[in-house]
Amino acid sequence: MYESYWRLTQKPFENCADERFYFPGESHQAALLKLRYAVENRRGAALLTGVAGSGKTLIARMLRSSLGDGFSPFVHVVFPQMPSDQLLWYMAEELDGLGCTSESSSVQQSVRRIEHFLAENGKQGRHAVVVVDEAHLIDDADTLESLRLLMNFQPSGTPGMTLILVGQTSLLPVLERTPQLDERFAVKCLIRTFTEQETADYVSHRLKTAGAVRTIFELEAMPTLHALTQGVARRINRLCDLALLIGFADQRDTIGAEQLEAVSNELVAVAPE
């Protein structure tokens, strides 16, 4: 709606895991480097946590793009809140791609499928990666235990796959209560929110990626934007997107701190209690 007015080729602040808009913040880059280390050195498991909207899923996608062909298949589980037998069945389906029609396979059958696949995959010189996104939603101890036991598959003396749990920080106390799983993580990554300077650079990066050729957000407005969003990427996206819409409606040349505060106040005013 507002793209042509601001002379943009696309919307710059969509809340989706689009790799083109990835911003290499210090914390995000460090997490990506640690995850690559875990995968490329064939470690059994890694952990990625951060507050909601901090960019965890996008980092998982960037990881997939950065790995060589030898690290396959790459399975991304985005809805893990299911009983352990269903989760194992789903993982077996995604890993071996055999397309079994029955979803009532026993845990034993699914485990055997996974074990067999990892052994054959390893013989071909490949290493599987399984990302379990939204892992903080797993509230079943049996499911967590099943995931831990999968790390025991070491067909060639090393793990046949790297399991990466991705979730909000509420996952951390859960893992503390399951030390037998917690101690399996080769690396743990905690994404922090953007600093004030990173917030400004993030906005600039996304605008340039979307084709911006002139100043849209005033530099003096960046401290206000950071204070209003606390440096959380999803909040920045939402506020900036609405500010662009309101700025278009008001036919403004640029967007300043006053406009950001007005939009933020409106968001708070209409938010459900």
Protein backbone atom coordinates (compact mmCIF):
# COMPACT_ATOMS: atom_id res chain seq x y z
CA MET A 1 0.00 0.00 0.00
CA TYR A 2 2.72 2.47 0.98
CA GLU A 3 5.67 1.09 -1.01
CA SER A 4 5.41 3.43 -4.00
CA TYR A 5 5.02 6.50 -1.79
CA TRP A 6 8.26 5.75 0.07
CA ARG A 7 9.89 4.56 -3.20
CA LEU A 8 10.41 1.02 -1.97
CA THR A 9 10.39 -2.15 -4.03
CA GLN A 10 8.79 -4.19 -1.25
CA LYS A 11 7.70 -3.93 2.38
CA PRO A 12 10.81 -3.76 4.56
CA PHE A 13 9.40 -4.82 7.91
CA GLU A 14 7.43 -7.98 7.30
CA ASN A 15 7.57 -10.37 10.26
CA CYS A 16 8.74 -13.43 8.35
CA ALA A 17 12.00 -15.37 8.32
CA ASP A 18 13.24 -13.98 5.01
CA GLU A 19 16.97 -14.57 4.67
CA ARG A 20 17.38 -11.52 2.44
CA PHE A 21 16.59 -9.32 5.43
CA TYR A 22 18.91 -11.05 7.88
CA PHE A 23 20.84 -8.46 9.88
CA PRO A 24 24.21 -9.69 11.21
CA GLY A 25 23.99 -8.32 14.72
CA GLU A 26 26.84 -9.25 17.04
CA SER A 27 24.78 -11.66 19.14
CA HIS A 28 23.11 -13.22 16.10
CA GLN A 29 26.41 -13.75 14.31
CA ALA A 30 27.95 -15.31 17.40
CA ALA A 31 25.03 -17.72 17.70
CA LEU A 32 25.25 -18.65 14.03
CA LEU A 33 28.98 -19.31 14.37
CA LYS A 34 28.47 -21.54 17.42
CA LEU A 35 25.73 -23.53 15.72
CA ARG A 36 27.89 -24.04 12.65
CA TYR A 37 30.68 -25.26 14.90
CA ALA A 38 28.37 -27.79 16.52
CA VAL A 39 27.06 -29.10 13.21
CA GLU A 40 30.29 -29.11 11.24
CA ASN A 41 32.07 -30.92 14.07
CA ARG A 42 29.21 -33.40 14.29
CA ARG A 43 28.26 -32.68 17.86
CA GLY A 44 25.15 -34.33 19.23
CA ALA A 45 23.14 -31.28 20.23
CA ALA A 46 23.05 -27.51 20.47
CA LEU A 47 20.72 -24.97 22.04
CA LEU A 48 19.48 -21.62 20.75
CA THR A 49 17.33 -19.44 23.00
CA GLY A 50 16.13 -15.86 23.13
CA VAL A 51 13.08 -13.77 23.88
CA ALA A 52 10.08 -13.98 21.57
CA GLY A 53 10.67 -12.09 18.35
CA SER A 54 14.45 -11.92 18.61
CA GLY A 55 15.12 -13.75 15.32
CA LYS A 56 15.77 -17.36 16.34
CA THR A 57 13.93 -18.96 13.43
CA LEU A 58 15.76 -16.74 10.95
CA ILE A 59 19.08 -17.84 12.42
CA ALA A 60 18.02 -21.46 11.91
CA ARG A 61 17.28 -20.69 8.27
CA MET A 62 20.63 -18.93 7.87
CA LEU A 63 22.33 -21.97 9.36
CA ARG A 64 20.73 -24.19 6.76
CA SER A 65 21.93 -21.93 3.95
CA SER A 66 25.48 -21.81 5.31
CA LEU A 67 26.03 -25.57 5.50
CA GLY A 68 27.52 -27.67 2.74
CA ASP A 69 25.79 -30.51 0.91
CA GLY A 70 27.28 -33.03 3.30
CA PHE A 71 25.01 -31.83 6.08
CA SER A 72 21.72 -33.29 4.99
CA PRO A 73 18.93 -33.84 5.34
CA PHE A 74 18.09 -30.68 7.25
CA VAL A 75 14.80 -31.13 9.08
CA HIS A 76 13.04 -28.13 10.62
CA VAL A 77 10.26 -29.08 13.05
CA VAL A 78 8.10 -26.01 13.65
CA PHE A 79 5.29 -27.57 15.73
CA PRO A 80 6.84 -29.86 18.36
CA GLN A 81 3.93 -29.80 20.80
CA MET A 82 2.84 -33.38 20.22
CA PRO A 83 3.16 -36.69 22.05
CA SER A 84 6.55 -38.35 21.80
CA ASP A 85 5.33 -41.17 19.54
CA GLN A 86 3.91 -38.68 17.02
CA LEU A 87 7.00 -36.48 17.13
CA LEU A 88 9.28 -39.45 16.50
CA TRP A 89 7.05 -40.62 13.65
CA TYR A 90 7.15 -37.14 12.11
CA MET A 91 10.93 -36.97 12.41
CA ALA A 92 11.30 -40.41 10.83
CA GLU A 93 9.08 -39.30 7.93
CA GLU A 94 11.08 -36.12 7.38
CA LEU A 95 14.44 -37.87 7.62
CA ASP A 96 13.97 -40.92 5.41
CA GLY A 97 11.24 -39.53 3.15
CA LEU A 98 9.63 -42.94 2.69
CA GLY A 99 6.15 -41.51 2.96
CA CYS A 100 4.60 -44.15 5.21
CA THR A 101 0.83 -43.73 5.25
CA SER A 102 0.19 -44.79 8.82
CA GLU A 103 0.64 -42.31 11.63
CA SER A 104 0.13 -44.98 14.27
CA SER A 105 3.64 -46.40 14.16
CA SER A 106 4.97 -47.37 17.55
CA VAL A 107 7.85 -45.57 19.17
CA GLN A 108 9.97 -48.66 18.52
CA GLN A 109 9.19 -48.62 14.79
CA SER A 110 9.94 -44.91 14.45
CA VAL A 111 13.19 -45.25 16.39
CA ARG A 112 14.29 -48.15 14.20
CA ARG A 113 13.54 -46.11 11.08
CA ILE A 114 15.58 -43.19 12.39
CA GLU A 115 18.45 -45.44 13.47
CA HIS A 116 18.54 -47.23 10.11
CA PHE A 117 18.39 -43.97 8.18
CA LEU A 118 21.19 -42.32 10.17
CA ALA A 119 23.41 -45.37 9.64
CA GLU A 120 22.85 -45.34 5.87
CA ASN A 121 23.16 -41.57 5.71
CA GLY A 122 26.49 -41.76 7.53
CA LYS A 123 27.80 -44.39 5.11
CA GLN A 124 27.23 -41.88 2.33
CA GLY A 125 29.32 -39.33 4.18
CA ARG A 126 26.39 -37.17 5.22
CA HIS A 127 25.38 -35.79 8.61
CA ALA A 128 21.75 -34.99 9.41
CA VAL A 129 20.56 -31.86 11.19
CA VAL A 130 17.24 -31.69 13.05
CA VAL A 131 16.04 -28.32 14.31
CA VAL A 132 13.16 -28.42 16.79
CA ASP A 133 11.72 -24.91 16.79
CA GLU A 134 9.43 -23.55 19.52
CA ALA A 135 10.96 -26.15 21.84
CA HIS A 136 9.72 -24.25 24.89
CA LEU A 137 6.26 -25.60 24.04
CA ILE A 138 7.34 -29.16 24.83
CA ASP A 139 5.84 -29.86 28.22
CA ASP A 140 6.04 -33.64 28.10
CA ALA A 141 9.01 -35.17 29.93
CA ASP A 142 8.73 -38.29 27.75
CA THR A 143 9.19 -36.21 24.61
CA LEU A 144 12.33 -34.58 25.97
CA GLU A 145 13.65 -37.98 27.00
CA SER A 146 12.97 -39.38 23.53
CA LEU A 147 14.92 -36.54 21.96
CA ARG A 148 17.81 -37.20 24.32
CA LEU A 149 17.89 -40.89 23.46
CA LEU A 150 18.15 -40.09 19.75
CA MET A 151 21.58 -38.66 20.46
CA ASN A 152 22.76 -42.18 21.31
CA PHE A 153 22.73 -43.15 17.64
CA GLN A 154 26.41 -43.06 16.70
CA PRO A 155 26.79 -45.39 13.72
CA SER A 156 30.45 -44.52 13.14
CA GLY A 157 31.47 -43.59 16.64
CA THR A 158 30.14 -40.05 16.25
CA PRO A 159 26.54 -38.79 16.36
CA GLY A 160 24.59 -39.45 13.18
CA MET A 161 22.82 -36.14 13.51
CA THR A 162 22.95 -32.83 15.36
CA LEU A 163 19.79 -31.97 17.26
CA ILE A 164 19.22 -28.24 17.73
CA LEU A 165 16.58 -27.09 20.19
CA VAL A 166 15.32 -23.57 19.48
CA GLY A 167 13.02 -21.81 21.90
CA GLN A 168 12.24 -18.93 24.19
CA THR A 169 14.17 -18.47 27.41
CA SER A 170 11.46 -20.31 29.36
CA LEU A 171 13.11 -23.44 27.96
CA LEU A 172 16.18 -22.92 30.16
CA PRO A 173 14.64 -23.82 33.55
CA VAL A 174 13.03 -26.89 31.93
CA LEU A 175 16.44 -28.09 30.82
CA GLU A 176 17.89 -27.37 34.25
CA ARG A 177 15.38 -29.84 35.64
CA THR A 178 16.51 -32.46 33.11
CA PRO A 179 20.30 -32.47 33.57
CA GLN A 180 20.68 -35.70 31.59
CA LEU A 181 19.56 -33.73 28.51
CA ASP A 182 21.10 -30.40 29.43
CA GLU A 183 24.60 -31.86 29.64
CA ARG A 184 24.35 -33.12 26.05
CA PHE A 185 24.48 -29.66 24.50
CA ALA A 186 27.85 -28.96 22.92
CA VAL A 187 27.03 -25.25 22.63
CA LYS A 188 24.38 -22.99 24.11
CA CYS A 189 23.47 -19.73 22.43
CA LEU A 190 21.43 -16.96 24.03
CA ILE A 191 20.44 -14.21 21.63
CA ARG A 192 20.31 -10.79 23.23
CA THR A 193 18.18 -7.97 21.90
CA PHE A 194 19.66 -5.23 19.71
CA THR A 195 21.59 -2.34 21.20
CA GLU A 196 20.56 1.20 20.29
CA GLN A 197 23.18 1.34 17.54
CA GLU A 198 22.18 -2.09 16.24
CA THR A 199 18.55 -0.99 16.18
CA ALA A 200 19.47 1.93 13.94
CA ASP A 201 21.63 -0.29 11.72
CA TYR A 202 18.88 -2.91 11.58
CA VAL A 203 16.32 -0.39 10.33
CA SER A 204 18.78 0.98 7.77
CA HIS A 205 19.65 -2.52 6.55
CA ARG A 206 16.04 -3.56 6.04
CA LEU A 207 15.16 -0.33 4.26
CA LYS A 208 18.10 -0.66 1.87
CA THR A 209 17.21 -4.28 1.18
CA ALA A 210 13.69 -3.10 0.33
CA GLY A 211 15.08 -0.59 -2.16
CA ALA A 212 15.15 2.64 -0.13
CA VAL A 213 17.13 5.42 -1.82
CA ARG A 214 16.52 8.24 0.66
CA THR A 215 16.22 8.88 4.38
CA ILE A 216 12.86 7.75 5.74
CA PHE A 217 13.39 7.37 9.48
CA GLU A 218 15.18 10.31 11.03
CA LEU A 219 18.41 9.37 12.78
CA GLU A 220 17.33 11.31 15.86
CA ALA A 221 14.32 8.97 16.16
CA MET A 222 16.41 5.84 16.67
CA PRO A 223 16.90 6.21 20.46
CA THR A 224 13.13 6.52 20.78
CA LEU A 225 12.57 3.47 18.58
CA HIS A 226 14.98 1.45 20.67
CA ALA A 227 13.34 2.54 23.92
CA LEU A 228 9.86 1.73 22.63
CA THR A 229 10.79 -1.72 21.29
CA GLN A 230 13.58 -2.67 23.72
CA GLY A 231 15.61 -3.79 20.71
CA VAL A 232 13.35 -6.76 19.91
CA ALA A 233 13.32 -7.32 16.15
CA ARG A 234 9.64 -8.28 15.87
CA ARG A 235 8.57 -5.20 17.83
CA ILE A 236 10.78 -3.00 15.66
CA ASN A 237 9.19 -4.48 12.55
CA ARG A 238 5.66 -3.93 13.76
CA LEU A 239 6.22 -0.36 14.90
CA CYS A 240 8.16 0.67 11.79
CA ASP A 241 5.64 -0.94 9.45
CA LEU A 242 2.75 0.94 11.02
CA ALA A 243 4.78 4.15 11.12
CA LEU A 244 5.36 3.85 7.36
CA LEU A 245 1.63 3.37 6.84
CA ILE A 246 0.67 6.36 8.99
CA GLY A 247 3.42 8.46 7.43
CA PHE A 248 2.02 7.64 4.00
CA ALA A 249 -1.49 8.55 5.11
CA ASP A 250 -0.24 11.87 6.53
CA GLN A 251 1.94 12.52 3.46
CA ARG A 252 5.05 13.02 5.59
CA ASP A 253 8.54 13.37 4.13
CA THR A 254 10.23 11.51 6.99
CA ILE A 255 9.30 9.76 10.21
CA GLY A 256 10.58 11.15 13.48
CA ALA A 257 10.44 10.29 17.17
CA GLU A 258 7.09 12.04 17.62
CA GLN A 259 5.44 9.88 14.99
CA LEU A 260 6.92 6.69 16.45
CA GLU A 261 5.64 7.60 19.91
CA ALA A 262 2.18 8.35 18.53
CA VAL A 263 1.99 5.01 16.71
CA SER A 264 3.28 3.17 19.77
CA ASN A 265 0.71 4.85 22.01
CA GLU A 266 -2.03 3.85 19.60
CA LEU A 267 -0.83 0.25 19.62
CA VAL A 268 -0.87 0.19 23.42
CA ALA A 269 -4.27 1.85 23.53
CA VAL A 270 -5.93 -0.81 21.33
CA ALA A 271 -4.05 -3.78 22.77
CA PRO A 272 -6.25 -6.29 24.64
CA GLU A 273 -5.93 -6.28 28.41
